[in-house]
């Protein structure tokens, strides 16, 4: 068996980012940038108002108050998108709306709540400082600056930034295409009636959900059963994908044919069995296939117990997919937390323990779930993290 760290290192060495492409900004959510985005303009590219109110000169409203308002003549309007053609002269004000271009001669905007309009005269009830309620050109983004970096995931805010810079076509890494297969003659689908010895197929749906969260394209190859010929046929049908994932039949049981099936199809095995719990019988290798990866298609044979499937996907397959997507930060994130509930283990295996973290008084605290069996999916649903107890750790004694 190899260590968790060694397994991640091997995956890192054998998985590379996919080729780049360009896509419309409207379709870019969840992709990773393949190039830096440099601002071609200031954002905003003109001084504009942060409030509905009146554009004024601060010297005209100095000392203004409710009992002694400054009285200014309103000479025009500056709605958003329709700049005022007039400049501001002494003793004048121009009505301005949020986002409206600040007229020449203006050095402050008085919010409408601090004014009283009387015909063409506005009573200003408060003074203003220079620059008050004015958003300067380049206040958000400066022309020539790198605003988004290669390897960053495109978020909804990122889409907005790209649009504000006028970027219509975005340079990104192509999304990985994943083909996955579940094995087991014992599996029933939701809606099927239970019969003795059969269980419902949960792994198909947890894998689908996790792949959706990874924002990749995926194909369900169906259920491989416990036949090596069927498993090989299913794997072969997915060999145009960028990654193949199987769940189940990867250990040493009589009907565990996944490893043998991959080998018969030409897989180069890079590791099988990791010193961890749950998910010890994890297979990783490379299979001949699509031309962009000269070394072969990364394949993962995940164990079949529901929690083992999820844990091994989250720690290993998700890491590989993140690198294939071109993300800069693709390794699993680790945080240090205070353990608030005892957990004991024997040295020799890294334990990935379902748990729940909270932040209390500025301190990250974490507690293991009560039951840690690899078949207990309910605790996975109720947890919000995996607590990592290193290989030589004995946990926290009672």
Protein backbone atom coordinates (compact mmCIF):
# COMPACT_ATOMS: atom_id res chain seq x y z
CA UNK A 1 0.00 0.00 0.00
CA UNK A 2 1.08 3.55 -0.61
CA UNK A 3 0.40 6.66 1.47
CA UNK A 4 -2.22 9.29 0.73
CA UNK A 5 0.53 11.81 -0.07
CA UNK A 6 2.21 9.40 -2.51
CA UNK A 7 -1.10 8.68 -4.23
CA UNK A 8 -1.75 12.40 -4.72
CA UNK A 9 1.80 12.89 -6.00
CA UNK A 10 1.36 10.11 -8.60
CA UNK A 11 -1.94 11.61 -9.76
CA UNK A 12 -0.31 15.03 -10.00
CA UNK A 13 2.52 13.65 -12.15
CA UNK A 14 0.18 11.88 -14.56
CA UNK A 15 -2.66 14.35 -15.09
CA UNK A 16 -2.29 17.55 -17.09
CA UNK A 17 -4.59 20.49 -17.95
CA UNK A 18 -6.72 19.99 -21.03
CA UNK A 19 -6.25 22.12 -24.17
CA UNK A 20 -7.51 25.70 -24.23
CA UNK A 21 -10.44 27.05 -26.21
CA UNK A 22 -12.59 30.18 -26.34
CA UNK A 23 -16.26 30.35 -25.42
CA UNK A 24 -18.89 33.10 -25.06
CA UNK A 25 -18.83 34.86 -21.70
CA UNK A 26 -22.47 33.82 -21.22
CA UNK A 27 -21.37 30.16 -21.15
CA UNK A 28 -18.20 30.58 -19.05
CA UNK A 29 -19.44 29.82 -15.53
CA UNK A 30 -17.44 26.97 -13.98
CA UNK A 31 -14.62 27.06 -16.53
CA UNK A 32 -11.03 28.05 -15.67
CA UNK A 33 -9.22 30.86 -17.43
CA UNK A 34 -6.35 29.74 -19.67
CA UNK A 35 -4.94 33.28 -19.98
CA UNK A 36 -4.68 36.37 -17.80
CA UNK A 37 -7.39 38.97 -18.43
CA UNK A 38 -5.91 42.48 -18.70
CA UNK A 39 -8.25 45.47 -18.51
CA UNK A 40 -8.48 47.39 -21.77
CA UNK A 41 -10.50 50.17 -20.12
CA UNK A 42 -11.07 51.80 -16.77
CA UNK A 43 -14.20 50.54 -15.00
CA UNK A 44 -16.08 52.77 -14.71
CA UNK A 45 -14.58 54.84 -17.50
CA UNK A 46 -16.11 58.10 -16.26
CA UNK A 47 -16.87 59.76 -12.93
CA UNK A 48 -20.43 58.87 -11.91
CA UNK A 49 -22.83 59.34 -9.06
CA UNK A 50 -23.20 56.78 -6.28
CA UNK A 51 -26.57 58.28 -5.25
CA UNK A 52 -29.75 59.80 -6.55
CA UNK A 53 -29.38 63.47 -5.71
CA UNK A 54 -27.83 66.71 -6.94
CA UNK A 55 -24.45 67.46 -8.46
CA UNK A 56 -23.02 70.53 -6.69
CA UNK A 57 -19.88 72.53 -6.01
CA UNK A 58 -18.78 72.08 -2.39
CA UNK A 59 -18.10 75.79 -1.99
CA UNK A 60 -21.76 76.52 -2.81
CA UNK A 61 -23.02 74.29 0.02
CA UNK A 62 -20.42 75.07 2.70
CA UNK A 63 -22.17 75.54 6.05
CA UNK A 64 -25.55 74.34 4.75
CA UNK A 65 -27.94 72.95 7.38
CA UNK A 66 -31.64 72.36 7.89
CA UNK A 67 -32.22 75.73 9.50
CA UNK A 68 -29.99 77.54 7.02
CA UNK A 69 -30.07 75.67 3.69
CA UNK A 70 -28.05 76.60 0.64
CA UNK A 71 -30.35 77.51 -2.24
CA UNK A 72 -29.24 76.50 -5.72
CA UNK A 73 -30.87 76.80 -9.12
CA UNK A 74 -31.54 73.45 -10.84
CA UNK A 75 -30.38 73.77 -14.45
CA UNK A 76 -30.68 70.24 -15.79
CA UNK A 77 -30.66 66.49 -15.29
CA UNK A 78 -28.05 63.73 -15.63
CA UNK A 79 -29.80 60.34 -15.72
CA UNK A 80 -27.77 57.16 -16.08
CA UNK A 81 -26.87 56.74 -19.73
CA UNK A 82 -27.77 60.33 -20.72
CA UNK A 83 -25.00 62.75 -19.68
CA UNK A 84 -25.96 66.35 -19.06
CA UNK A 85 -24.75 68.68 -21.79
CA UNK A 86 -24.45 71.51 -19.26
CA UNK A 87 -21.50 72.35 -17.03
CA UNK A 88 -22.08 73.32 -13.44
CA UNK A 89 -21.69 77.02 -12.72
CA UNK A 90 -21.59 78.80 -9.34
CA UNK A 91 -24.95 78.77 -7.59
CA UNK A 92 -26.28 75.91 -9.71
CA UNK A 93 -27.17 72.24 -9.18
CA UNK A 94 -27.94 69.46 -11.65
CA UNK A 95 -30.31 66.64 -10.75
CA UNK A 96 -28.39 63.36 -11.08
CA UNK A 97 -29.34 59.70 -10.79
CA UNK A 98 -27.26 56.76 -9.57
CA UNK A 99 -24.76 55.89 -12.28
CA UNK A 100 -25.24 59.22 -14.05
CA UNK A 101 -22.13 60.88 -15.50
CA UNK A 102 -20.95 63.69 -13.21
CA UNK A 103 -21.23 67.05 -15.04
CA UNK A 104 -18.19 69.25 -15.55
CA UNK A 105 -17.59 71.57 -12.61
CA UNK A 106 -19.03 69.13 -10.05
CA UNK A 107 -16.98 68.04 -7.03
CA UNK A 108 -19.71 66.40 -4.89
CA UNK A 109 -23.15 64.87 -5.01
CA UNK A 110 -25.74 65.61 -2.32
CA UNK A 111 -28.16 62.73 -1.76
CA UNK A 112 -31.79 63.53 -2.47
CA UNK A 113 -32.70 62.85 1.20
CA UNK A 114 -30.69 65.95 2.19
CA UNK A 115 -32.58 68.25 -0.15
CA UNK A 116 -35.97 69.88 -0.64
CA UNK A 117 -37.01 70.78 -4.18
CA UNK A 118 -39.09 73.94 -4.62
CA UNK A 119 -39.79 74.55 -8.29
CA UNK A 120 -36.45 75.25 -9.98
CA UNK A 121 -34.72 75.80 -6.65
CA UNK A 122 -33.24 73.04 -4.52
CA UNK A 123 -32.67 73.62 -0.81
CA UNK A 124 -29.48 71.83 0.32
CA UNK A 125 -29.75 70.81 3.98
CA UNK A 126 -26.18 69.57 4.58
CA UNK A 127 -22.65 70.44 3.50
CA UNK A 128 -20.47 68.14 1.39
CA UNK A 129 -16.84 67.12 1.18
CA UNK A 130 -15.04 67.03 -2.14
CA UNK A 131 -15.60 63.71 -3.90
CA UNK A 132 -18.62 62.85 -1.75
CA UNK A 133 -20.89 60.26 -3.41
CA UNK A 134 -18.80 60.31 -6.61
CA UNK A 135 -17.39 57.09 -8.02
CA UNK A 136 -14.20 58.02 -9.85
CA UNK A 137 -13.18 56.62 -13.22
CA UNK A 138 -11.18 53.43 -12.63
CA UNK A 139 -12.53 53.10 -9.09
CA UNK A 140 -13.28 49.40 -9.70
CA UNK A 141 -10.71 48.42 -12.35
CA UNK A 142 -7.70 50.31 -13.69
CA UNK A 143 -6.84 50.07 -17.39
CA UNK A 144 -3.79 47.86 -17.97
CA UNK A 145 -4.15 45.88 -14.75
CA UNK A 146 -4.57 42.09 -14.55
CA UNK A 147 -8.05 41.59 -13.17
CA UNK A 148 -8.42 37.82 -13.52
CA UNK A 149 -5.52 35.37 -13.67
CA UNK A 150 -5.01 32.17 -15.62
CA UNK A 151 -6.07 29.22 -13.50
CA UNK A 152 -8.86 31.09 -11.72
CA UNK A 153 -12.35 29.58 -11.83
CA UNK A 154 -14.91 31.83 -13.49
CA UNK A 155 -17.56 32.77 -10.92
CA UNK A 156 -20.74 34.83 -11.42
CA UNK A 157 -18.77 37.91 -10.32
CA UNK A 158 -16.03 36.98 -12.79
CA UNK A 159 -18.59 36.79 -15.59
CA UNK A 160 -19.70 40.29 -14.65
CA UNK A 161 -16.11 41.57 -14.69
CA UNK A 162 -15.51 40.06 -18.12
CA UNK A 163 -18.68 41.65 -19.44
CA UNK A 164 -17.81 45.04 -17.93
CA UNK A 165 -14.48 44.91 -19.78
CA UNK A 166 -16.20 44.14 -23.06
CA UNK A 167 -14.82 40.59 -23.26
CA UNK A 168 -17.22 38.62 -25.47
CA UNK A 169 -15.10 35.48 -26.05
CA UNK A 170 -13.26 34.06 -23.03
CA UNK A 171 -10.04 31.98 -23.16
CA UNK A 172 -10.60 28.89 -21.01
CA UNK A 173 -9.44 25.33 -20.49
CA UNK A 174 -11.82 22.82 -21.96
CA UNK A 175 -14.06 21.08 -19.47
CA UNK A 176 -13.17 17.43 -18.79
CA UNK A 177 -15.51 14.79 -20.17
CA UNK A 178 -16.02 12.01 -17.64
CA UNK A 179 -17.54 8.60 -18.29
CA UNK A 180 -18.56 6.59 -15.24
CA UNK A 181 -19.92 3.13 -14.55
CA UNK A 182 -21.37 1.45 -11.47
CA UNK A 183 -20.86 -2.30 -10.97
CA UNK A 184 -22.93 -4.88 -9.13
CA UNK A 185 -25.65 -7.41 -9.95
CA UNK A 186 -27.24 -6.56 -6.61
CA UNK A 187 -28.28 -3.05 -7.65
CA UNK A 188 -31.83 -1.82 -8.08
CA UNK A 189 -32.94 1.60 -9.28
CA UNK A 190 -35.02 4.06 -7.24
CA UNK A 191 -38.65 3.08 -7.65
CA UNK A 192 -37.86 -0.63 -7.85
CA UNK A 193 -39.29 -2.81 -5.11
CA UNK A 194 -36.73 -4.30 -2.74
CA UNK A 195 -36.16 -8.03 -2.98
CA UNK A 196 -33.96 -10.18 -0.73
CA UNK A 197 -30.25 -9.64 -1.34
CA UNK A 198 -30.71 -6.53 -3.48
CA UNK A 199 -29.95 -2.86 -2.66
CA UNK A 200 -30.81 0.36 -4.42
CA UNK A 201 -28.14 2.07 -6.48
CA UNK A 202 -27.06 5.18 -4.54
CA UNK A 203 -23.56 5.51 -6.04
CA UNK A 204 -24.90 6.44 -9.46
CA UNK A 205 -26.55 9.49 -7.93
CA UNK A 206 -23.80 10.56 -5.54
CA UNK A 207 -21.32 10.41 -8.44
CA UNK A 208 -23.66 12.35 -10.70
CA UNK A 209 -24.07 15.00 -8.01
CA UNK A 210 -20.33 15.31 -7.34
CA UNK A 211 -19.56 15.56 -11.07
CA UNK A 212 -22.17 18.30 -11.40
CA UNK A 213 -20.55 20.17 -8.50
CA UNK A 214 -17.20 19.86 -10.30
CA UNK A 215 -18.81 21.47 -13.36
CA UNK A 216 -17.62 18.86 -15.82
CA UNK A 217 -19.38 17.06 -18.63
CA UNK A 218 -20.31 13.48 -17.83
CA UNK A 219 -21.76 10.34 -19.37
CA UNK A 220 -23.34 7.52 -17.37
CA UNK A 221 -22.22 4.25 -18.94
CA UNK A 222 -24.81 2.33 -16.96
CA UNK A 223 -24.39 -0.63 -14.64
CA UNK A 224 -21.65 -3.15 -15.40
CA UNK A 225 -23.02 -5.99 -13.32
CA UNK A 226 -20.57 -8.66 -12.17
CA UNK A 227 -19.43 -9.81 -15.62
CA UNK A 228 -15.92 -8.99 -16.87
CA UNK A 229 -17.13 -8.96 -20.48
CA UNK A 230 -19.91 -6.47 -19.70
CA UNK A 231 -17.51 -4.33 -17.65
CA UNK A 232 -15.00 -4.29 -20.55
CA UNK A 233 -17.74 -3.39 -23.02
CA UNK A 234 -18.89 -0.51 -20.83
CA UNK A 235 -15.35 0.80 -20.33
CA UNK A 236 -14.65 0.56 -24.07
CA UNK A 237 -17.76 2.61 -24.82
CA UNK A 238 -16.39 5.40 -22.63
CA UNK A 239 -12.89 5.60 -24.10
CA UNK A 240 -13.58 8.87 -25.93
CA UNK A 241 -13.81 10.59 -22.52
CA UNK A 242 -11.02 12.45 -20.71
CA UNK A 243 -11.44 10.32 -17.57
CA UNK A 244 -13.15 7.03 -16.75
CA UNK A 245 -14.48 6.31 -13.27
CA UNK A 246 -15.89 3.03 -12.00
CA UNK A 247 -17.46 2.28 -8.64
CA UNK A 248 -17.25 -1.14 -7.04
CA UNK A 249 -15.64 -4.51 -7.91
CA UNK A 250 -12.11 -3.21 -7.39
CA UNK A 251 -11.01 -5.24 -4.36
CA UNK A 252 -10.11 -8.94 -4.15
CA UNK A 253 -13.52 -10.62 -4.15
CA UNK A 254 -14.50 -13.41 -6.51
CA UNK A 255 -16.54 -11.05 -8.69
CA UNK A 256 -14.27 -8.01 -8.45
CA UNK A 257 -13.41 -7.76 -12.15
CA UNK A 258 -12.72 -4.03 -12.64
CA UNK A 259 -8.94 -4.17 -12.21
CA UNK A 260 -8.65 -7.19 -14.51
CA UNK A 261 -10.93 -5.57 -17.09
CA UNK A 262 -8.83 -2.42 -17.18
CA UNK A 263 -5.64 -4.49 -17.47
CA UNK A 264 -7.04 -6.52 -20.38
CA UNK A 265 -7.84 -3.23 -22.13
CA UNK A 266 -4.22 -2.05 -21.78
CA UNK A 267 -4.23 -0.03 -18.56
CA UNK A 268 -0.90 0.89 -17.01
CA UNK A 269 -1.52 0.54 -13.28
CA UNK A 270 0.03 3.36 -11.23
CA UNK A 271 -1.31 2.32 -7.84
CA UNK A 272 -3.89 0.07 -6.21
CA UNK A 273 -4.63 0.15 -2.47
CA UNK A 274 -3.90 3.16 -0.29
CA UNK A 275 -3.14 3.16 3.43
CA UNK A 276 -6.37 4.89 4.35
CA UNK A 277 -9.84 4.33 5.75
CA UNK A 278 -12.34 4.34 4.16
CA UNK A 279 -11.40 3.62 0.56
CA UNK A 280 -8.31 1.41 0.78
CA UNK A 281 -8.86 -0.50 -2.51
CA UNK A 282 -8.53 2.50 -4.86
CA UNK A 283 -7.20 1.87 -8.37
CA UNK A 284 -5.53 4.54 -10.53
CA UNK A 285 -3.96 4.04 -13.93
CA UNK A 286 -3.69 5.24 -17.52
CA UNK A 287 -5.56 3.73 -20.42
CA UNK A 288 -4.78 4.27 -24.12
CA UNK A 289 -7.31 6.57 -25.68
CA UNK A 290 -7.80 10.12 -26.88
CA UNK A 291 -4.81 11.76 -28.56
CA UNK A 292 -4.49 14.93 -26.44
CA UNK A 293 -3.14 12.89 -23.52
CA UNK A 294 -0.18 10.97 -24.88
CA UNK A 295 0.19 9.04 -21.65
CA UNK A 296 -3.39 7.79 -21.72
CA UNK A 297 -6.78 8.37 -20.14
CA UNK A 298 -6.72 8.65 -16.33
CA UNK A 299 -8.91 5.92 -14.86
CA UNK A 300 -10.13 5.58 -11.30
CA UNK A 301 -11.55 2.37 -9.88
CA UNK A 302 -13.36 3.58 -6.77
CA UNK A 303 -14.47 1.16 -4.05
CA UNK A 304 -18.17 0.36 -3.97
CA UNK A 305 -19.25 1.16 -0.41
CA UNK A 306 -21.20 4.44 -0.64
CA UNK A 307 -19.01 6.51 1.69
CA UNK A 308 -15.81 5.01 0.25
CA UNK A 309 -16.97 6.00 -3.24
CA UNK A 310 -17.60 9.57 -2.13
CA UNK A 311 -14.41 9.99 -0.07
CA UNK A 312 -12.10 8.61 -2.77
CA UNK A 313 -13.79 10.73 -5.41
CA UNK A 314 -13.49 13.91 -3.32
CA UNK A 315 -9.84 13.37 -2.35
CA UNK A 316 -8.45 11.91 -5.58
CA UNK A 317 -10.70 12.06 -8.66
CA UNK A 318 -11.85 15.61 -7.87
CA UNK A 319 -8.20 16.66 -7.51
CA UNK A 320 -7.40 15.19 -10.92
CA UNK A 321 -10.40 16.90 -12.49
CA UNK A 322 -9.43 20.25 -10.95
CA UNK A 323 -5.97 19.99 -12.51
CA UNK A 324 -7.44 18.94 -15.86
CA UNK A 325 -9.63 22.05 -15.71
CA UNK A 326 -6.48 24.16 -15.37
CA UNK A 327 -7.17 25.38 -11.85
CA UNK A 328 -4.12 26.85 -10.07
CA UNK A 329 -5.27 25.58 -6.68
CA UNK A 330 -6.26 22.01 -7.43
CA UNK A 331 -4.96 20.09 -4.42
CA UNK A 332 -7.42 19.41 -1.55
CA UNK A 333 -7.58 22.34 0.84
CA UNK A 334 -6.56 21.62 4.42
CA UNK A 335 -7.38 23.72 7.47
CA UNK A 336 -6.30 23.24 11.07
CA UNK A 337 -9.14 22.97 13.57
CA UNK A 338 -9.67 22.27 17.24
CA UNK A 339 -11.10 18.79 17.83
CA UNK A 340 -14.04 19.02 20.22
CA UNK A 341 -14.97 15.35 20.41
CA UNK A 342 -12.76 12.30 20.98
CA UNK A 343 -11.78 10.01 18.12
CA UNK A 344 -9.45 7.04 18.46
CA UNK A 345 -7.61 5.08 15.79
CA UNK A 346 -4.67 2.73 15.48
CA UNK A 347 -1.54 4.00 13.71
CA UNK A 348 -0.97 2.69 10.20
CA UNK A 349 -3.81 4.16 8.14
CA UNK A 350 -4.86 7.72 7.37
CA UNK A 351 -8.49 8.15 8.42
CA UNK A 352 -10.89 10.43 6.58
CA UNK A 353 -13.55 11.02 9.20
CA UNK A 354 -16.91 12.57 8.51
CA UNK A 355 -17.53 15.54 10.74
CA UNK A 356 -18.99 18.97 11.18
CA UNK A 357 -17.07 22.20 11.63
CA UNK A 358 -18.20 25.47 13.12
CA UNK A 359 -16.47 28.78 13.83
CA UNK A 360 -16.95 29.80 17.45
CA UNK A 361 -15.40 32.94 18.91
CA UNK A 362 -13.11 33.12 15.90
CA UNK A 363 -11.80 29.55 16.35
CA UNK A 364 -12.44 26.75 13.85
CA UNK A 365 -13.79 23.75 15.77
CA UNK A 366 -14.63 20.31 14.44
CA UNK A 367 -16.38 17.21 15.75
CA UNK A 368 -16.48 13.69 14.23
CA UNK A 369 -19.82 12.10 13.44
CA UNK A 370 -20.91 9.27 15.73
CA UNK A 371 -20.85 6.44 13.17
CA UNK A 372 -18.04 6.06 10.64
CA UNK A 373 -18.93 2.84 8.79
CA UNK A 374 -18.29 3.06 5.04
CA UNK A 375 -21.89 2.05 4.38
CA UNK A 376 -23.43 4.85 6.49
CA UNK A 377 -24.28 7.50 3.91
CA UNK A 378 -26.59 9.41 6.24
CA UNK A 379 -23.64 10.76 8.23
CA UNK A 380 -22.01 11.92 5.01
CA UNK A 381 -25.12 13.93 4.27
CA UNK A 382 -25.07 15.50 7.74
CA UNK A 383 -21.35 16.38 7.65
CA UNK A 384 -19.72 19.42 6.13
CA UNK A 385 -16.06 18.31 6.12
CA UNK A 386 -13.65 15.41 6.24
CA UNK A 387 -11.39 15.35 9.29
CA UNK A 388 -7.98 13.95 8.38
CA UNK A 389 -6.16 11.86 11.00
CA UNK A 390 -2.69 11.19 9.63
CA UNK A 391 -1.30 7.69 9.16
CA UNK A 392 0.78 7.55 12.35
CA UNK A 393 -1.74 9.43 14.49
CA UNK A 394 -3.66 7.63 17.19
CA UNK A 395 -6.35 10.29 17.18
CA UNK A 396 -7.37 12.04 20.36
CA UNK A 397 -7.53 9.61 23.29
CA UNK A 398 -10.59 9.45 25.54
